[in-house]
PDB file of all heavy atoms in Angstrom:
ATOM      1  N   HIS A   1     -26.184  26.590  21.860  1.00  0.00           N
ATOM      2  CA  HIS A   1     -25.793  26.495  20.448  1.00  0.00           C
ATOM      3  C   HIS A   1     -24.317  26.848  20.204  1.00  0.00           C
ATOM      4  O   HIS A   1     -23.609  27.117  21.227  1.00  0.00           O
ATOM      5  CB  HIS A   1     -26.709  27.605  19.648  1.00  0.00           C
ATOM      6  CG  HIS A   1     -26.355  28.963  20.089  1.00  0.00           C
ATOM      7  ND1 HIS A   1     -26.983  29.510  21.192  1.00  0.00           N
ATOM      8  CD2 HIS A   1     -25.579  29.952  19.603  1.00  0.00           C
ATOM      9  CE1 HIS A   1     -26.558  30.667  21.383  1.00  0.00           C
ATOM     10  NE2 HIS A   1     -25.693  30.995  20.382  1.00  0.00           N
ATOM     11  N   GLN A   2     -23.853  26.746  19.055  1.00  0.00           N
ATOM     12  CA  GLN A   2     -22.447  27.101  18.741  1.00  0.00           C
ATOM     13  C   GLN A   2     -22.454  27.779  17.419  1.00  0.00           C
ATOM     14  O   GLN A   2     -23.404  27.796  16.603  1.00  0.00           O
ATOM     15  CB  GLN A   2     -21.587  25.846  18.762  1.00  0.00           C
ATOM     16  CG  GLN A   2     -21.910  24.893  17.645  1.00  0.00           C
ATOM     17  CD  GLN A   2     -20.938  23.669  17.532  1.00  0.00           C
ATOM     18  OE1 GLN A   2     -19.740  23.923  17.886  1.00  0.00           O
ATOM     19  NE2 GLN A   2     -21.381  22.511  17.153  1.00  0.00           N
ATOM     20  N   VAL A   3     -21.241  28.323  17.082  1.00  0.00           N
ATOM     21  CA  VAL A   3     -21.024  28.971  15.738  1.00  0.00           C
ATOM     22  C   VAL A   3     -19.952  28.168  15.024  1.00  0.00           C
ATOM     23  O   VAL A   3     -18.974  27.798  15.715  1.00  0.00           O
ATOM     24  CB  VAL A   3     -20.641  30.440  16.050  1.00  0.00           C
ATOM     25  CG1 VAL A   3     -20.160  31.042  14.726  1.00  0.00           C
ATOM     26  CG2 VAL A   3     -21.760  31.294  16.594  1.00  0.00           C
ATOM     27  N   GLN A   4     -20.079  27.979  13.755  1.00  0.00           N
ATOM     28  CA  GLN A   4     -19.110  27.286  12.949  1.00  0.00           C
ATOM     29  C   GLN A   4     -18.842  27.982  11.656  1.00  0.00           C
ATOM     30  O   GLN A   4     -19.774  28.655  11.092  1.00  0.00           O
ATOM     31  CB  GLN A   4     -19.507  25.887  12.696  1.00  0.00           C
ATOM     32  CG  GLN A   4     -19.444  24.997  13.905  1.00  0.00           C
ATOM     33  CD  GLN A   4     -19.735  23.463  13.524  1.00  0.00           C
ATOM     34  OE1 GLN A   4     -20.232  23.149  12.449  1.00  0.00           O
ATOM     35  NE2 GLN A   4     -19.377  22.608  14.473  1.00  0.00           N
ATOM     36  N   ASP A   5     -17.703  27.760  11.075  1.00  0.00           N
ATOM     37  CA  ASP A   5     -17.365  28.174   9.698  1.00  0.00           C
ATOM     38  C   ASP A   5     -17.778  27.162   8.701  1.00  0.00           C
ATOM     39  O   ASP A   5     -17.175  26.021   8.839  1.00  0.00           O
ATOM     40  CB  ASP A   5     -15.905  28.579   9.572  1.00  0.00           C
ATOM     41  CG  ASP A   5     -15.494  29.771  10.464  1.00  0.00           C
ATOM     42  OD1 ASP A   5     -16.380  30.725  10.574  1.00  0.00           O
ATOM     43  OD2 ASP A   5     -14.446  29.839  10.978  1.00  0.00           O
ATOM     44  N   ARG A   6     -18.663  27.393   7.762  1.00  0.00           N
ATOM     45  CA  ARG A   6     -19.093  26.417   6.812  1.00  0.00           C
ATOM     46  C   ARG A   6     -19.098  27.066   5.398  1.00  0.00           C
ATOM     47  O   ARG A   6     -19.842  28.049   5.267  1.00  0.00           O
ATOM     48  CB  ARG A   6     -20.385  25.822   7.137  1.00  0.00           C
ATOM     49  CG  ARG A   6     -20.413  24.875   8.339  1.00  0.00           C
ATOM     50  CD  ARG A   6     -21.747  24.292   8.572  1.00  0.00           C
ATOM     51  NE  ARG A   6     -21.805  23.487   9.757  1.00  0.00           N
ATOM     52  CZ  ARG A   6     -22.928  23.019  10.306  1.00  0.00           C
ATOM     53  NH1 ARG A   6     -24.106  23.265   9.786  1.00  0.00           N
ATOM     54  NH2 ARG A   6     -22.900  22.235  11.393  1.00  0.00           N
ATOM     55  N   ASN A   7     -18.296  26.513   4.465  1.00  0.00           N
ATOM     56  CA  ASN A   7     -18.320  27.053   3.092  1.00  0.00           C
ATOM     57  C   ASN A   7     -18.172  28.569   3.047  1.00  0.00           C
ATOM     58  O   ASN A   7     -18.858  29.193   2.258  1.00  0.00           O
ATOM     59  CB  ASN A   7     -19.613  26.598   2.355  1.00  0.00           C
ATOM     60  CG  ASN A   7     -19.812  25.110   2.387  1.00  0.00           C
ATOM     61  OD1 ASN A   7     -18.897  24.327   2.217  1.00  0.00           O
ATOM     62  ND2 ASN A   7     -21.063  24.625   2.650  1.00  0.00           N
ATOM     63  N   GLY A   8     -17.252  29.075   3.880  1.00  0.00           N
ATOM     64  CA  GLY A   8     -16.972  30.496   3.744  1.00  0.00           C
ATOM     65  C   GLY A   8     -17.944  31.381   4.485  1.00  0.00           C
ATOM     66  O   GLY A   8     -17.912  32.602   4.479  1.00  0.00           O
ATOM     67  N   HIS A   9     -18.878  30.763   5.200  1.00  0.00           N
ATOM     68  CA  HIS A   9     -19.927  31.482   5.957  1.00  0.00           C
ATOM     69  C   HIS A   9     -19.889  31.073   7.421  1.00  0.00           C
ATOM     70  O   HIS A   9     -19.537  29.973   7.791  1.00  0.00           O
ATOM     71  CB  HIS A   9     -21.278  31.193   5.516  1.00  0.00           C
ATOM     72  CG  HIS A   9     -21.484  31.660   4.070  1.00  0.00           C
ATOM     73  ND1 HIS A   9     -21.707  32.998   3.680  1.00  0.00           N
ATOM     74  CD2 HIS A   9     -21.490  30.923   2.865  1.00  0.00           C
ATOM     75  CE1 HIS A   9     -21.855  33.075   2.358  1.00  0.00           C
ATOM     76  NE2 HIS A   9     -21.766  31.811   1.897  1.00  0.00           N
ATOM     77  N   THR A  10     -20.117  32.046   8.319  1.00  0.00           N
ATOM     78  CA  THR A  10     -20.249  31.804   9.766  1.00  0.00           C
ATOM     79  C   THR A  10     -21.684  31.538  10.124  1.00  0.00           C
ATOM     80  O   THR A  10     -22.569  32.409   9.819  1.00  0.00           O
ATOM     81  CB  THR A  10     -19.659  32.943  10.590  1.00  0.00           C
ATOM     82  OG1 THR A  10     -18.366  33.179  10.224  1.00  0.00           O
ATOM     83  CG2 THR A  10     -19.727  32.617  12.042  1.00  0.00           C
ATOM     84  N   VAL A  11     -22.030  30.328  10.552  1.00  0.00           N
ATOM     85  CA  VAL A  11     -23.357  29.983  10.833  1.00  0.00           C
ATOM     86  C   VAL A  11     -23.584  29.498  12.307  1.00  0.00           C
ATOM     87  O   VAL A  11     -22.687  29.016  12.941  1.00  0.00           O
ATOM     88  CB  VAL A  11     -23.809  28.770   9.902  1.00  0.00           C
ATOM     89  CG1 VAL A  11     -23.778  29.232   8.458  1.00  0.00           C
ATOM     90  CG2 VAL A  11     -22.936  27.489  10.131  1.00  0.00           C
ATOM     91  N   VAL A  12     -24.826  29.739  12.799  1.00  0.00           N
ATOM     92  CA  VAL A  12     -25.205  29.334  14.135  1.00  0.00           C
ATOM     93  C   VAL A  12     -25.837  27.905  13.974  1.00  0.00           C
ATOM     94  O   VAL A  12     -26.700  27.719  13.073  1.00  0.00           O
ATOM     95  CB  VAL A  12     -26.245  30.269  14.741  1.00  0.00           C
ATOM     96  CG1 VAL A  12     -26.685  29.766  16.096  1.00  0.00           C
ATOM     97  CG2 VAL A  12     -25.643  31.700  14.895  1.00  0.00           C
ATOM     98  N   CYS A  13     -25.434  27.021  14.758  1.00  0.00           N
ATOM     99  CA  CYS A  13     -25.935  25.639  14.608  1.00  0.00           C
ATOM    100  C   CYS A  13     -25.999  24.984  16.085  1.00  0.00           C
ATOM    101  O   CYS A  13     -25.595  25.534  16.977  1.00  0.00           O
ATOM    102  CB  CYS A  13     -25.015  24.786  13.761  1.00  0.00           C
ATOM    103  SG  CYS A  13     -23.274  24.793  14.216  1.00  0.00           S
ATOM    104  N   PRO A  14     -26.611  23.751  16.096  1.00  0.00           N
ATOM    105  CA  PRO A  14     -26.843  23.139  17.418  1.00  0.00           C
ATOM    106  C   PRO A  14     -25.392  22.751  17.971  1.00  0.00           C
ATOM    107  O   PRO A  14     -24.418  22.640  17.229  1.00  0.00           O
ATOM    108  CB  PRO A  14     -27.605  21.765  17.060  1.00  0.00           C
ATOM    109  CG  PRO A  14     -28.237  22.119  15.727  1.00  0.00           C
ATOM    110  CD  PRO A  14     -27.324  23.053  14.975  1.00  0.00           C
ATOM    111  N   PRO A  15     -25.334  22.547  19.292  1.00  0.00           N
ATOM    112  CA  PRO A  15     -24.092  22.143  19.946  1.00  0.00           C
ATOM    113  C   PRO A  15     -23.577  20.801  19.391  1.00  0.00           C
ATOM    114  O   PRO A  15     -24.357  20.099  18.631  1.00  0.00           O
ATOM    115  CB  PRO A  15     -24.475  22.058  21.419  1.00  0.00           C
ATOM    116  CG  PRO A  15     -25.746  22.753  21.545  1.00  0.00           C
ATOM    117  CD  PRO A  15     -26.465  22.666  20.261  1.00  0.00           C
ATOM    118  N   LYS A  16     -22.408  20.470  19.701  1.00  0.00           N
ATOM    119  CA  LYS A  16     -21.732  19.229  19.252  1.00  0.00           C
ATOM    120  C   LYS A  16     -22.540  17.952  19.601  1.00  0.00           C
ATOM    121  O   LYS A  16     -22.706  17.054  18.778  1.00  0.00           O
ATOM    122  CB  LYS A  16     -20.356  19.144  19.739  1.00  0.00           C
ATOM    123  CG  LYS A  16     -19.456  18.045  19.275  1.00  0.00           C
ATOM    124  CD  LYS A  16     -18.020  18.063  19.828  1.00  0.00           C
ATOM    125  CE  LYS A  16     -17.241  16.963  19.316  1.00  0.00           C
ATOM    126  NZ  LYS A  16     -15.818  16.971  19.799  1.00  0.00           N
ATOM    127  N   THR A  17     -22.960  17.895  20.864  1.00  0.00           N
ATOM    128  CA  THR A  17     -23.710  16.762  21.351  1.00  0.00           C
ATOM    129  C   THR A  17     -24.853  17.171  22.279  1.00  0.00           C
ATOM    130  O   THR A  17     -24.942  18.351  22.625  1.00  0.00           O
ATOM    131  CB  THR A  17     -22.797  15.739  22.120  1.00  0.00           C
ATOM    132  OG1 THR A  17     -22.374  16.419  23.302  1.00  0.00           O
ATOM    133  CG2 THR A  17     -21.640  15.264  21.376  1.00  0.00           C
ATOM    134  N   GLU A  18     -25.751  16.275  22.616  1.00  0.00           N
ATOM    135  CA  GLU A  18     -26.817  16.596  23.563  1.00  0.00           C
ATOM    136  C   GLU A  18     -26.268  17.068  24.924  1.00  0.00           C
ATOM    137  O   GLU A  18     -26.864  18.007  25.444  1.00  0.00           O
ATOM    138  CB  GLU A  18     -27.780  15.371  23.768  1.00  0.00           C
ATOM    139  CG  GLU A  18     -28.733  15.156  22.614  1.00  0.00           C
ATOM    140  CD  GLU A  18     -29.688  13.981  22.891  1.00  0.00           C
ATOM    141  OE1 GLU A  18     -29.874  13.698  24.081  1.00  0.00           O
ATOM    142  OE2 GLU A  18     -30.209  13.411  21.909  1.00  0.00           O
ATOM    143  N   SER A  19     -25.249  16.458  25.326  1.00  0.00           N
ATOM    144  CA  SER A  19     -24.596  16.838  26.617  1.00  0.00           C
ATOM    145  C   SER A  19     -23.895  18.041  26.584  1.00  0.00           C
ATOM    146  O   SER A  19     -23.540  18.715  27.598  1.00  0.00           O
ATOM    147  CB  SER A  19     -23.681  15.715  27.225  1.00  0.00           C
ATOM    148  OG  SER A  19     -22.713  15.397  26.160  1.00  0.00           O
ATOM    149  N   SER A  20     -23.670  18.631  25.306  1.00  0.00           N
ATOM    150  CA  SER A  20     -23.075  20.004  25.194  1.00  0.00           C
ATOM    151  C   SER A  20     -24.032  21.140  25.651  1.00  0.00           C
ATOM    152  O   SER A  20     -23.569  22.208  25.950  1.00  0.00           O
ATOM    153  CB  SER A  20     -22.656  20.243  23.815  1.00  0.00           C
ATOM    154  OG  SER A  20     -21.684  19.297  23.372  1.00  0.00           O
ATOM    155  N   VAL A  21     -25.334  20.826  25.595  1.00  0.00           N
ATOM    156  CA  VAL A  21     -26.306  21.838  26.118  1.00  0.00           C
ATOM    157  C   VAL A  21     -26.227  21.733  27.724  1.00  0.00           C
ATOM    158  O   VAL A  21     -26.506  20.747  28.288  1.00  0.00           O
ATOM    159  CB  VAL A  21     -27.737  21.471  25.657  1.00  0.00           C
ATOM    160  CG1 VAL A  21     -28.773  22.437  26.216  1.00  0.00           C
ATOM    161  CG2 VAL A  21     -27.771  21.463  24.122  1.00  0.00           C
ATOM    162  N   ARG A  22     -25.755  22.886  28.283  1.00  0.00           N
ATOM    163  CA  ARG A  22     -25.463  22.789  29.695  1.00  0.00           C
ATOM    164  C   ARG A  22     -25.454  24.182  30.273  1.00  0.00           C
ATOM    165  O   ARG A  22     -25.450  25.170  29.549  1.00  0.00           O
ATOM    166  CB  ARG A  22     -24.126  22.121  29.948  1.00  0.00           C
ATOM    167  CG  ARG A  22     -22.969  22.825  29.352  1.00  0.00           C
ATOM    168  CD  ARG A  22     -21.698  21.883  29.213  1.00  0.00           C
ATOM    169  NE  ARG A  22     -20.569  22.557  28.753  1.00  0.00           N
ATOM    170  CZ  ARG A  22     -20.267  22.903  27.523  1.00  0.00           C
ATOM    171  NH1 ARG A  22     -21.158  22.631  26.562  1.00  0.00           N
ATOM    172  NH2 ARG A  22     -19.164  23.510  27.348  1.00  0.00           N
ATOM    173  N   THR A  23     -25.498  24.242  31.588  1.00  0.00           N
ATOM    174  CA  THR A  23     -25.451  25.471  32.324  1.00  0.00           C
ATOM    175  C   THR A  23     -24.116  25.558  33.057  1.00  0.00           C
ATOM    176  O   THR A  23     -23.795  24.578  33.851  1.00  0.00           O
ATOM    177  CB  THR A  23     -26.633  25.656  33.341  1.00  0.00           C
ATOM    178  OG1 THR A  23     -27.850  25.583  32.578  1.00  0.00           O
ATOM    179  CG2 THR A  23     -26.581  26.979  33.996  1.00  0.00           C
ATOM    180  N   LEU A  24     -23.324  26.555  32.888  1.00  0.00           N
ATOM    181  CA  LEU A  24     -22.016  26.713  33.562  1.00  0.00           C
ATOM    182  C   LEU A  24     -22.107  27.748  34.599  1.00  0.00           C
ATOM    183  O   LEU A  24     -22.649  28.878  34.364  1.00  0.00           O
ATOM    184  CB  LEU A  24     -20.966  27.045  32.561  1.00  0.00           C
ATOM    185  CG  LEU A  24     -20.669  26.012  31.451  1.00  0.00           C
ATOM    186  CD1 LEU A  24     -19.573  26.546  30.511  1.00  0.00           C
ATOM    187  CD2 LEU A  24     -20.243  24.728  32.025  1.00  0.00           C
ATOM    188  N   ALA A  25     -21.470  27.512  35.813  1.00  0.00           N
ATOM    189  CA  ALA A  25     -21.362  28.526  36.788  1.00  0.00           C
ATOM    190  C   ALA A  25     -20.248  29.445  36.477  1.00  0.00           C
ATOM    191  O   ALA A  25     -19.275  29.069  35.882  1.00  0.00           O
ATOM    192  CB  ALA A  25     -21.071  27.765  38.169  1.00  0.00           C
ATOM    193  N   LEU A  26     -20.387  30.682  36.782  1.00  0.00           N
ATOM    194  CA  LEU A  26     -19.434  31.748  36.535  1.00  0.00           C
ATOM    195  C   LEU A  26     -18.764  32.266  37.876  1.00  0.00           C
ATOM    196  O   LEU A  26     -19.529  32.500  38.843  1.00  0.00           O
ATOM    197  CB  LEU A  26     -20.032  32.981  35.774  1.00  0.00           C
ATOM    198  CG  LEU A  26     -20.736  32.600  34.481  1.00  0.00           C
ATOM    199  CD1 LEU A  26     -21.469  33.853  33.973  1.00  0.00           C
ATOM    200  CD2 LEU A  26     -19.817  32.103  33.493  1.00  0.00           C
ATOM    201  N   ASP A  27     -17.474  32.339  37.900  1.00  0.00           N
ATOM    202  CA  ASP A  27     -16.833  32.880  39.072  1.00  0.00           C
ATOM    203  C   ASP A  27     -16.905  34.371  39.210  1.00  0.00           C
ATOM    204  O   ASP A  27     -17.240  35.081  38.203  1.00  0.00           O
ATOM    205  CB  ASP A  27     -15.297  32.443  39.125  1.00  0.00           C
ATOM    206  CG  ASP A  27     -14.563  33.041  37.987  1.00  0.00           C
ATOM    207  OD1 ASP A  27     -14.073  34.193  38.135  1.00  0.00           O
ATOM    208  OD2 ASP A  27     -14.353  32.341  36.855  1.00  0.00           O
TER     209      ASP A  27
END
């Protein structure tokens, strides 16, 4: 998911695209 500013509120919403849902390796 992601967080965006909308109409003066911070909201949780789906990621930008389907491929944005992903697993990242951490160093």
